[in-house]
C-alpha atoms as a PDB file:
ATOM      1  CA  MET A   1      32.108  98.224 -24.952  1.00  0.00           C
ATOM      2  CA  ALA A   2      32.625 101.889 -27.200  1.00  0.00           C
ATOM      3  CA  PRO A   3      29.639 104.119 -27.650  1.00  0.00           C
ATOM      4  CA  ALA A   4      28.712 104.168 -31.450  1.00  0.00           C
ATOM      5  CA  ARG A   5      29.941 105.639 -34.056  1.00  0.00           C
ATOM      6  CA  VAL A   6      27.577 109.121 -35.098  1.00  0.00           C
ATOM      7  CA  PRO A   7      27.642 108.838 -38.898  1.00  0.00           C
ATOM      8  CA  GLU A   8      29.583 112.752 -39.878  1.00  0.00           C
ATOM      9  CA  ARG A   9      29.540 114.597 -43.531  1.00  0.00           C
ATOM     10  CA  THR A  10      30.693 117.091 -44.935  1.00  0.00           C
ATOM     11  CA  CYS A  11      28.698 120.631 -45.515  1.00  0.00           C
ATOM     12  CA  ALA A  12      29.824 120.878 -49.386  1.00  0.00           C
ATOM     13  CA  GLY A  13      29.251 124.946 -48.372  1.00  0.00           C
ATOM     14  CA  CYS A  14      31.497 125.910 -45.143  1.00  0.00           C
ATOM     15  CA  GLY A  15      33.829 122.898 -45.331  1.00  0.00           C
ATOM     16  CA  ARG A  16      33.130 121.902 -41.742  1.00  0.00           C
ATOM     17  CA  LYS A  17      32.192 118.407 -40.601  1.00  0.00           C
ATOM     18  CA  ALA A  18      28.202 117.943 -38.738  1.00  0.00           C
ATOM     19  CA  PRO A  19      26.184 114.453 -38.152  1.00  0.00           C
ATOM     20  CA  LYS A  20      24.799 113.540 -41.179  1.00  0.00           C
ATOM     21  CA  ALA A  21      21.527 113.225 -39.753  1.00  0.00           C
ATOM     22  CA  SER A  22      21.788 117.129 -39.251  1.00  0.00           C
ATOM     23  CA  LEU A  23      22.803 117.733 -42.916  1.00  0.00           C
ATOM     24  CA  VAL A  24      20.021 117.608 -46.099  1.00  0.00           C
ATOM     25  CA  ARG A  25      21.476 116.069 -48.799  1.00  0.00           C
ATOM     26  CA  VAL A  26      21.426 116.044 -52.588  1.00  0.00           C
ATOM     27  CA  ALA A  27      21.721 113.439 -54.887  1.00  0.00           C
ATOM     28  CA  ARG A  28      22.930 112.542 -57.994  1.00  0.00           C
ATOM     29  CA  VAL A  29      20.135 110.483 -59.922  1.00  0.00           C
ATOM     30  CA  PRO A  30      21.419 107.394 -61.452  1.00  0.00           C
ATOM     31  CA  GLY A  31      21.024 106.837 -64.609  1.00  0.00           C
ATOM     32  CA  GLN A  32      20.086 110.722 -65.882  1.00  0.00           C
ATOM     33  CA  ASP A  33      22.368 113.953 -65.907  1.00  0.00           C
ATOM     34  CA  ARG A  34      20.093 115.793 -63.052  1.00  0.00           C
ATOM     35  CA  ALA A  35      20.360 115.811 -58.580  1.00  0.00           C
ATOM     36  CA  GLU A  36      17.369 116.394 -56.433  1.00  0.00           C
ATOM     37  CA  VAL A  37      17.048 116.787 -52.943  1.00  0.00           C
ATOM     38  CA  ASP A  38      17.042 113.751 -51.283  1.00  0.00           C
ATOM     39  CA  PRO A  39      14.136 113.882 -48.287  1.00  0.00           C
ATOM     40  CA  VAL A  40      15.076 110.699 -46.356  1.00  0.00           C
ATOM     41  CA  GLY A  41      18.631 110.799 -47.191  1.00  0.00           C
ATOM     42  CA  SER A  42      18.750 107.149 -48.313  1.00  0.00           C
ATOM     43  CA  ALA A  43      18.328 107.301 -52.423  1.00  0.00           C
ATOM     44  CA  PRO A  44      20.669 105.957 -54.496  1.00  0.00           C
ATOM     45  CA  GLY A  45      23.565 107.390 -56.503  1.00  0.00           C
ATOM     46  CA  ARG A  46      26.332 109.897 -55.062  1.00  0.00           C
ATOM     47  CA  GLY A  47      25.664 112.650 -53.060  1.00  0.00           C
ATOM     48  CA  VAL A  48      26.058 116.142 -51.311  1.00  0.00           C
ATOM     49  CA  TYR A  49      25.116 117.117 -48.278  1.00  0.00           C
ATOM     50  CA  LEU A  50      24.637 120.551 -47.006  1.00  0.00           C
ATOM     51  CA  HIS A  51      23.473 122.512 -43.098  1.00  0.00           C
ATOM     52  CA  ALA A  52      20.244 123.721 -43.951  1.00  0.00           C
ATOM     53  CA  ASP A  53      21.867 127.145 -43.610  1.00  0.00           C
ATOM     54  CA  GLN A  54      20.828 130.286 -46.217  1.00  0.00           C
ATOM     55  CA  ALA A  55      24.962 130.725 -45.867  1.00  0.00           C
ATOM     56  CA  CYS A  56      26.229 127.661 -47.214  1.00  0.00           C
ATOM     57  CA  LEU A  57      23.732 126.723 -49.949  1.00  0.00           C
ATOM     58  CA  GLU A  58      24.615 130.429 -51.550  1.00  0.00           C
ATOM     59  CA  LYS A  59      28.193 129.160 -50.759  1.00  0.00           C
ATOM     60  CA  ALA A  60      28.177 126.056 -52.902  1.00  0.00           C
ATOM     61  CA  VAL A  61      26.475 127.514 -55.563  1.00  0.00           C
ATOM     62  CA  ARG A  62      29.079 129.976 -55.545  1.00  0.00           C
ATOM     63  CA  ARG A  63      31.719 127.678 -55.813  1.00  0.00           C
ATOM     64  CA  ASP A  64      30.130 125.242 -58.144  1.00  0.00           C
ATOM     65  CA  ALA A  65      30.760 122.355 -55.968  1.00  0.00           C
ATOM     66  CA  PHE A  66      27.067 120.450 -57.379  1.00  0.00           C
ATOM     67  CA  ALA A  67      28.714 119.987 -60.146  1.00  0.00           C
ATOM     68  CA  ARG A  68      32.263 119.170 -58.674  1.00  0.00           C
ATOM     69  CA  SER A  69      30.586 116.235 -56.172  1.00  0.00           C
ATOM     70  CA  LEU A  70      27.975 115.234 -58.169  1.00  0.00           C
ATOM     71  CA  ARG A  71      29.488 115.526 -61.314  1.00  0.00           C
ATOM     72  CA  THR A  72      26.237 116.851 -62.383  1.00  0.00           C
ATOM     73  CA  GLY A  73      25.355 120.078 -62.064  1.00  0.00           C
ATOM     74  CA  VAL A  74      21.555 120.892 -60.804  1.00  0.00           C
ATOM     75  CA  ALA A  75      18.729 122.597 -61.719  1.00  0.00           C
ATOM     76  CA  GLN A  76      17.921 125.844 -60.975  1.00  0.00           C
ATOM     77  CA  GLU A  77      14.196 124.213 -59.812  1.00  0.00           C
ATOM     78  CA  GLU A  78      16.457 121.972 -57.501  1.00  0.00           C
ATOM     79  CA  VAL A  79      18.296 124.716 -55.588  1.00  0.00           C
ATOM     80  CA  GLY A  80      14.536 127.094 -55.665  1.00  0.00           C
ATOM     81  CA  ARG A  81      13.656 123.897 -53.455  1.00  0.00           C
ATOM     82  CA  LEU A  82      16.655 124.177 -51.015  1.00  0.00           C
ATOM     83  CA  ARG A  83      16.133 126.983 -50.427  1.00  0.00           C
ATOM     84  CA  SER A  84      12.319 126.492 -49.765  1.00  0.00           C
ATOM     85  CA  LEU A  85      13.650 123.208 -47.441  1.00  0.00           C
ATOM     86  CA  ILE A  86      15.996 125.363 -45.552  1.00  0.00           C
ATOM     87  CA  GLU A  87      13.758 128.450 -45.154  1.00  0.00           C
ATOM     88  CA  GLY A  88      10.609 126.397 -43.624  1.00  0.00           C
ATOM     89  CA  GLY A  89      13.028 125.190 -40.924  1.00  0.00           C
ATOM     90  CA  THR A  90      13.797 121.670 -42.723  1.00  0.00           C
END
């Protein structure tokens, strides 16, 4: 029997693939033009993934990866929340 496949996602900051469980997800809120951090990783709607690394977050913000992937912008409050999560070790 083949080993179980581990789902992978691509980091919006650095572009490297990693196991889905090791990345932080930002999801677009369905029916609204905003996005927020998805701590569980299973909220409905479009999502974008990032390594829990300050450099990846800064690259994603600088390259406008959220707007491109989610088809909406991410409020500065959510970027601040991501920074807090990353600094806190999540």
